[in-house]
C-alpha atoms as a PDB file:
ATOM      1  CA  MET A   1    -135.471  75.633  82.383  1.00  0.00           C
ATOM      2  CA  ARG A   2    -138.215  75.940  85.055  1.00  0.00           C
ATOM      3  CA  ASN A   3    -141.344  73.823  85.682  1.00  0.00           C
ATOM      4  CA  PHE A   4    -144.477  75.810  85.953  1.00  0.00           C
ATOM      5  CA  GLU A   5    -146.572  74.034  88.696  1.00  0.00           C
ATOM      6  CA  ARG A   6    -150.522  74.010  89.413  1.00  0.00           C
ATOM      7  CA  PRO A   7    -152.339  71.640  91.757  1.00  0.00           C
ATOM      8  CA  VAL A   8    -154.955  69.185  90.366  1.00  0.00           C
ATOM      9  CA  LEU A   9    -156.952  67.483  93.081  1.00  0.00           C
ATOM     10  CA  ILE A  10    -156.752  63.779  90.613  1.00  0.00           C
ATOM     11  CA  LEU A  11    -160.313  62.665  90.455  1.00  0.00           C
ATOM     12  CA  ARG A  12    -160.153  58.701  89.356  1.00  0.00           C
ATOM     13  CA  LYS A  13    -157.292  57.233  87.436  1.00  0.00           C
ATOM     14  CA  ILE A  14    -158.275  56.751  83.761  1.00  0.00           C
ATOM     15  CA  ASN A  15    -154.742  54.149  82.955  1.00  0.00           C
ATOM     16  CA  ASN A  16    -151.214  54.090  83.342  1.00  0.00           C
ATOM     17  CA  LYS A  17    -151.233  57.137  81.658  1.00  0.00           C
ATOM     18  CA  GLN A  18    -153.685  59.443  82.082  1.00  0.00           C
ATOM     19  CA  PHE A  19    -156.132  60.699  84.944  1.00  0.00           C
ATOM     20  CA  PHE A  20    -159.345  62.693  85.442  1.00  0.00           C
ATOM     21  CA  GLY A  21    -158.439  65.904  87.697  1.00  0.00           C
ATOM     22  CA  ILE A  22    -159.829  69.390  88.364  1.00  0.00           C
ATOM     23  CA  PRO A  23    -156.721  72.185  88.622  1.00  0.00           C
ATOM     24  CA  VAL A  24    -156.970  74.187  92.390  1.00  0.00           C
ATOM     25  CA  THR A  25    -156.871  77.181  92.949  1.00  0.00           C
ATOM     26  CA  SER A  26    -155.516  79.414  96.452  1.00  0.00           C
ATOM     27  CA  LYS A  27    -157.679  82.488  95.527  1.00  0.00           C
ATOM     28  CA  ASP A  28    -161.755  83.512  97.360  1.00  0.00           C
ATOM     29  CA  LYS A  29    -162.813  82.332  94.031  1.00  0.00           C
ATOM     30  CA  LYS A  30    -167.189  82.810  94.228  1.00  0.00           C
ATOM     31  CA  GLY A  31    -169.793  81.108  92.089  1.00  0.00           C
ATOM     32  CA  GLU A  32    -171.595  78.135  92.245  1.00  0.00           C
ATOM     33  CA  PHE A  33    -169.477  76.145  90.432  1.00  0.00           C
ATOM     34  CA  TYR A  34    -166.590  76.904  92.700  1.00  0.00           C
ATOM     35  CA  ILE A  35    -165.788  73.852  95.477  1.00  0.00           C
ATOM     36  CA  LYS A  36    -163.914  75.135  98.867  1.00  0.00           C
ATOM     37  CA  PHE A  37    -162.060  72.034  99.782  1.00  0.00           C
ATOM     38  CA  THR A  38    -158.852  71.138 102.706  1.00  0.00           C
ATOM     39  CA  PHE A  39    -155.792  69.906 101.546  1.00  0.00           C
ATOM     40  CA  GLY A  40    -152.471  68.699 103.339  1.00  0.00           C
ATOM     41  CA  ASN A  41    -151.317  66.378 106.115  1.00  0.00           C
ATOM     42  CA  ASP A  42    -151.825  66.233 109.581  1.00  0.00           C
ATOM     43  CA  LYS A  43    -149.056  69.037 110.127  1.00  0.00           C
ATOM     44  CA  ASN A  44    -149.812  71.314 107.756  1.00  0.00           C
ATOM     45  CA  LYS A  45    -153.099  71.740 106.483  1.00  0.00           C
ATOM     46  CA  ASN A  46    -154.163  74.479 103.139  1.00  0.00           C
ATOM     47  CA  GLU A  47    -157.481  75.430 101.711  1.00  0.00           C
ATOM     48  CA  GLY A  48    -158.185  75.772  97.788  1.00  0.00           C
ATOM     49  CA  LYS A  49    -160.988  75.876  95.711  1.00  0.00           C
ATOM     50  CA  VAL A  50    -161.965  73.377  92.255  1.00  0.00           C
ATOM     51  CA  CYS A  51    -164.137  74.429  89.252  1.00  0.00           C
ATOM     52  CA  LEU A  52    -166.586  72.311  88.215  1.00  0.00           C
ATOM     53  CA  SER A  53    -166.018  73.771  85.018  1.00  0.00           C
ATOM     54  CA  GLN A  54    -162.512  73.077  84.366  1.00  0.00           C
ATOM     55  CA  VAL A  55    -162.768  69.403  84.691  1.00  0.00           C
ATOM     56  CA  ARG A  56    -160.381  67.683  82.036  1.00  0.00           C
ATOM     57  CA  VAL A  57    -158.404  64.803  81.961  1.00  0.00           C
ATOM     58  CA  PHE A  58    -154.453  65.433  82.263  1.00  0.00           C
ATOM     59  CA  SER A  59    -151.237  63.188  81.198  1.00  0.00           C
ATOM     60  CA  THR A  60    -150.027  61.571  83.769  1.00  0.00           C
ATOM     61  CA  LYS A  61    -146.621  62.959  83.164  1.00  0.00           C
ATOM     62  CA  ARG A  62    -146.778  66.305  84.253  1.00  0.00           C
ATOM     63  CA  LEU A  63    -147.629  64.545  87.873  1.00  0.00           C
ATOM     64  CA  LEU A  64    -144.470  66.887  89.439  1.00  0.00           C
ATOM     65  CA  ARG A  65    -144.922  65.905  93.033  1.00  0.00           C
ATOM     66  CA  LYS A  66    -147.134  65.040  95.929  1.00  0.00           C
ATOM     67  CA  ILE A  67    -148.583  68.449  98.159  1.00  0.00           C
ATOM     68  CA  GLY A  68    -151.139  66.669 100.429  1.00  0.00           C
ATOM     69  CA  LYS A  69    -154.488  64.745  99.877  1.00  0.00           C
ATOM     70  CA  ALA A  70    -158.096  66.091 100.243  1.00  0.00           C
ATOM     71  CA  ASN A  71    -159.953  65.748 103.515  1.00  0.00           C
ATOM     72  CA  SER A  72    -162.244  62.641 102.867  1.00  0.00           C
ATOM     73  CA  ASN A  73    -165.630  64.302 103.480  1.00  0.00           C
ATOM     74  CA  ASP A  74    -164.777  67.067 101.012  1.00  0.00           C
ATOM     75  CA  PHE A  75    -163.842  64.332  98.359  1.00  0.00           C
ATOM     76  CA  LYS A  76    -166.781  62.738  98.503  1.00  0.00           C
ATOM     77  CA  ASN A  77    -168.721  66.144  97.948  1.00  0.00           C
ATOM     78  CA  ILE A  78    -166.252  67.149  95.371  1.00  0.00           C
ATOM     79  CA  LYS A  79    -166.708  63.589  93.329  1.00  0.00           C
ATOM     80  CA  ARG A  80    -170.617  63.869  94.397  1.00  0.00           C
ATOM     81  CA  THR A  81    -171.071  67.273  92.160  1.00  0.00           C
ATOM     82  CA  VAL A  82    -169.261  66.131  89.980  1.00  0.00           C
ATOM     83  CA  VAL A  83    -171.681  62.971  89.169  1.00  0.00           C
ATOM     84  CA  ASP A  84    -174.549  65.590  89.986  1.00  0.00           C
ATOM     85  CA  PHE A  85    -172.958  68.292  87.238  1.00  0.00           C
ATOM     86  CA  PHE A  86    -172.219  65.541  84.282  1.00  0.00           C
ATOM     87  CA  SER A  87    -175.821  64.286  84.800  1.00  0.00           C
ATOM     88  CA  GLY A  88    -177.348  67.493  83.952  1.00  0.00           C
ATOM     89  CA  GLU A  89    -178.965  66.643  88.146  1.00  0.00           C
ATOM     90  CA  TYR A  90    -176.650  69.684  89.384  1.00  0.00           C
ATOM     91  CA  GLU A  91    -178.844  72.628  90.175  1.00  0.00           C
END
């Protein structure tokens, strides 16, 4: 049986078995809950979007491979937006 893979942006490690993450889509989604960011390595840059309404806890058992690292500024922006979203300051 083949593994179904869905990229996820890891926001924060909880412990050795769990982390907070947001699924990533490459489709051009529009809306206030979607945040665009770039990820990858120096040779291969990709663009994706995360949806704030899909933040959840994942098991580390679901991690299969690393496909890249988010741009530092984009990652800081996403983390700030998630904090604002859950603190009620996001509009």
